């Protein structure tokens, strides 16, 4: 619901096409975050909330994890464990929000 909520509050559309700076959510519970980059091959680098805490093995923790998500793991009807179908909302698609990503 995160992508839907961001889209609604910023007046943009929910899409299945990722873009750097977009908020994402998954049809699998607890996967939300921000797309940091879309690589040339379609793979994503994301800041993933509700995941293994970043840095926990080093004795520090944050509430996100930087993750590489292969394109095959978020495509429509993906059966990959963990992500499933992902949707995206990019507030910068509304000219009211000047995002410089």
C-alpha atoms as a PDB file:
ATOM      1  CA  UNK A   1       0.000   0.000   0.000  1.00  0.00           C
ATOM      2  CA  UNK A   2       2.983   2.367   0.336  1.00  0.00           C
ATOM      3  CA  UNK A   3       3.285   3.103  -3.395  1.00  0.00           C
ATOM      4  CA  UNK A   4      -0.474   3.648  -3.557  1.00  0.00           C
ATOM      5  CA  UNK A   5      -0.410   6.017  -0.580  1.00  0.00           C
ATOM      6  CA  UNK A   6       2.488   8.042  -2.023  1.00  0.00           C
ATOM      7  CA  UNK A   7       0.785   8.204  -5.419  1.00  0.00           C
ATOM      8  CA  UNK A   8      -2.457   9.384  -3.885  1.00  0.00           C
ATOM      9  CA  UNK A   9      -0.844  12.041  -1.687  1.00  0.00           C
ATOM     10  CA  UNK A  10       1.390  13.420  -4.470  1.00  0.00           C
ATOM     11  CA  UNK A  11      -1.013  13.127  -7.397  1.00  0.00           C
ATOM     12  CA  UNK A  12       1.040  10.673  -9.450  1.00  0.00           C
ATOM     13  CA  UNK A  13       0.249   7.248 -10.862  1.00  0.00           C
ATOM     14  CA  UNK A  14       1.262   3.860  -9.521  1.00  0.00           C
ATOM     15  CA  UNK A  15       3.318   1.990 -12.104  1.00  0.00           C
ATOM     16  CA  UNK A  16       5.150  -1.292 -12.535  1.00  0.00           C
ATOM     17  CA  UNK A  17       8.093   0.535 -14.127  1.00  0.00           C
ATOM     18  CA  UNK A  18      10.798   1.444 -11.594  1.00  0.00           C
ATOM     19  CA  UNK A  19      12.591   4.785 -11.573  1.00  0.00           C
ATOM     20  CA  UNK A  20      15.352   6.032  -9.276  1.00  0.00           C
ATOM     21  CA  UNK A  21      13.762   7.970  -6.434  1.00  0.00           C
ATOM     22  CA  UNK A  22      10.477   6.063  -6.560  1.00  0.00           C
ATOM     23  CA  UNK A  23       8.861   4.624  -3.465  1.00  0.00           C
ATOM     24  CA  UNK A  24       8.035   0.953  -3.880  1.00  0.00           C
ATOM     25  CA  UNK A  25       5.892  -1.661  -2.270  1.00  0.00           C
ATOM     26  CA  UNK A  26       5.466  -5.352  -2.910  1.00  0.00           C
ATOM     27  CA  UNK A  27       2.541  -7.716  -2.900  1.00  0.00           C
ATOM     28  CA  UNK A  28       4.525  -9.680  -0.315  1.00  0.00           C
ATOM     29  CA  UNK A  29       4.076  -8.326   3.229  1.00  0.00           C
ATOM     30  CA  UNK A  30       6.593  -5.905   4.691  1.00  0.00           C
ATOM     31  CA  UNK A  31       8.547  -4.949   1.577  1.00  0.00           C
ATOM     32  CA  UNK A  32       8.657  -1.186   1.126  1.00  0.00           C
ATOM     33  CA  UNK A  33      11.400   1.307   0.437  1.00  0.00           C
ATOM     34  CA  UNK A  34      13.004   3.577  -2.142  1.00  0.00           C
ATOM     35  CA  UNK A  35      14.598   2.771  -5.498  1.00  0.00           C
ATOM     36  CA  UNK A  36      18.148   4.136  -5.430  1.00  0.00           C
ATOM     37  CA  UNK A  37      19.079   3.170  -8.999  1.00  0.00           C
ATOM     38  CA  UNK A  38      17.841   1.187 -11.976  1.00  0.00           C
ATOM     39  CA  UNK A  39      20.775  -0.513 -13.682  1.00  0.00           C
ATOM     40  CA  UNK A  40      21.025  -0.827 -17.470  1.00  0.00           C
ATOM     41  CA  UNK A  41      19.922  -4.483 -17.304  1.00  0.00           C
ATOM     42  CA  UNK A  42      16.810  -3.585 -15.266  1.00  0.00           C
ATOM     43  CA  UNK A  43      18.140  -4.755 -11.905  1.00  0.00           C
ATOM     44  CA  UNK A  44      17.375  -2.435  -8.982  1.00  0.00           C
ATOM     45  CA  UNK A  45      19.426  -1.091  -6.115  1.00  0.00           C
ATOM     46  CA  UNK A  46      16.992  -0.322  -3.317  1.00  0.00           C
ATOM     47  CA  UNK A  47      16.909   0.918   0.258  1.00  0.00           C
ATOM     48  CA  UNK A  48      14.589  -1.743   1.649  1.00  0.00           C
ATOM     49  CA  UNK A  49      12.640  -1.184   4.852  1.00  0.00           C
ATOM     50  CA  UNK A  50      11.557  -4.008   7.105  1.00  0.00           C
ATOM     51  CA  UNK A  51      14.494  -6.212   6.167  1.00  0.00           C
ATOM     52  CA  UNK A  52      17.547  -7.510   7.968  1.00  0.00           C
ATOM     53  CA  UNK A  53      18.856  -4.429   9.684  1.00  0.00           C
ATOM     54  CA  UNK A  54      21.759  -2.776   7.942  1.00  0.00           C
ATOM     55  CA  UNK A  55      24.939  -3.056   9.965  1.00  0.00           C
ATOM     56  CA  UNK A  56      23.561  -5.404  12.595  1.00  0.00           C
ATOM     57  CA  UNK A  57      26.472  -7.803  12.182  1.00  0.00           C
ATOM     58  CA  UNK A  58      28.880  -4.933  12.876  1.00  0.00           C
ATOM     59  CA  UNK A  59      27.138  -4.065  16.129  1.00  0.00           C
ATOM     60  CA  UNK A  60      25.151  -1.115  14.762  1.00  0.00           C
ATOM     61  CA  UNK A  61      21.706  -1.076  13.281  1.00  0.00           C
ATOM     62  CA  UNK A  62      19.484   1.010  11.044  1.00  0.00           C
ATOM     63  CA  UNK A  63      15.981   0.272   9.845  1.00  0.00           C
ATOM     64  CA  UNK A  64      16.901  -0.331   6.223  1.00  0.00           C
ATOM     65  CA  UNK A  65      19.079  -2.504   4.049  1.00  0.00           C
ATOM     66  CA  UNK A  66      20.663  -1.709   0.693  1.00  0.00           C
ATOM     67  CA  UNK A  67      19.753  -4.560  -1.658  1.00  0.00           C
ATOM     68  CA  UNK A  68      20.306  -5.585  -5.272  1.00  0.00           C
ATOM     69  CA  UNK A  69      17.052  -6.901  -6.745  1.00  0.00           C
ATOM     70  CA  UNK A  70      17.405  -8.762 -10.071  1.00  0.00           C
ATOM     71  CA  UNK A  71      14.783  -7.811 -12.658  1.00  0.00           C
ATOM     72  CA  UNK A  72      13.442 -11.360 -12.706  1.00  0.00           C
ATOM     73  CA  UNK A  73      12.683 -10.967  -8.982  1.00  0.00           C
ATOM     74  CA  UNK A  74      10.246  -8.082  -9.339  1.00  0.00           C
ATOM     75  CA  UNK A  75       8.661  -8.591 -12.766  1.00  0.00           C
ATOM     76  CA  UNK A  76       4.913  -9.135 -12.939  1.00  0.00           C
ATOM     77  CA  UNK A  77       3.917 -12.512 -11.545  1.00  0.00           C
ATOM     78  CA  UNK A  78       7.385 -13.065 -10.137  1.00  0.00           C
ATOM     79  CA  UNK A  79       7.649 -16.180  -8.018  1.00  0.00           C
ATOM     80  CA  UNK A  80      10.912 -15.059  -6.439  1.00  0.00           C
ATOM     81  CA  UNK A  81      10.971 -15.432  -2.690  1.00  0.00           C
ATOM     82  CA  UNK A  82      10.777 -12.106  -0.920  1.00  0.00           C
ATOM     83  CA  UNK A  83       9.636  -9.563  -3.508  1.00  0.00           C
ATOM     84  CA  UNK A  84       6.876 -10.738  -5.803  1.00  0.00           C
ATOM     85  CA  UNK A  85       5.109  -8.081  -7.843  1.00  0.00           C
ATOM     86  CA  UNK A  86       6.453  -4.608  -7.038  1.00  0.00           C
ATOM     87  CA  UNK A  87       4.708  -1.308  -7.707  1.00  0.00           C
ATOM     88  CA  UNK A  88       6.307   2.120  -7.795  1.00  0.00           C
ATOM     89  CA  UNK A  89       5.271   5.747  -7.287  1.00  0.00           C
ATOM     90  CA  UNK A  90       7.622   8.591  -8.204  1.00  0.00           C
ATOM     91  CA  UNK A  91       6.589  11.927  -6.634  1.00  0.00           C
ATOM     92  CA  UNK A  92       8.854  13.758  -9.110  1.00  0.00           C
ATOM     93  CA  UNK A  93       6.364  12.941 -11.878  1.00  0.00           C
ATOM     94  CA  UNK A  94       4.314  15.795 -10.395  1.00  0.00           C
ATOM     95  CA  UNK A  95       6.014  19.100 -11.288  1.00  0.00           C
ATOM     96  CA  UNK A  96       4.972  20.413  -7.877  1.00  0.00           C
ATOM     97  CA  UNK A  97       7.723  18.281  -6.355  1.00  0.00           C
ATOM     98  CA  UNK A  98      11.209  19.196  -7.510  1.00  0.00           C
ATOM     99  CA  UNK A  99      13.140  16.017  -6.892  1.00  0.00           C
ATOM    100  CA  UNK A 100      16.768  16.004  -7.975  1.00  0.00           C
ATOM    101  CA  UNK A 101      17.584  12.334  -7.917  1.00  0.00           C
END
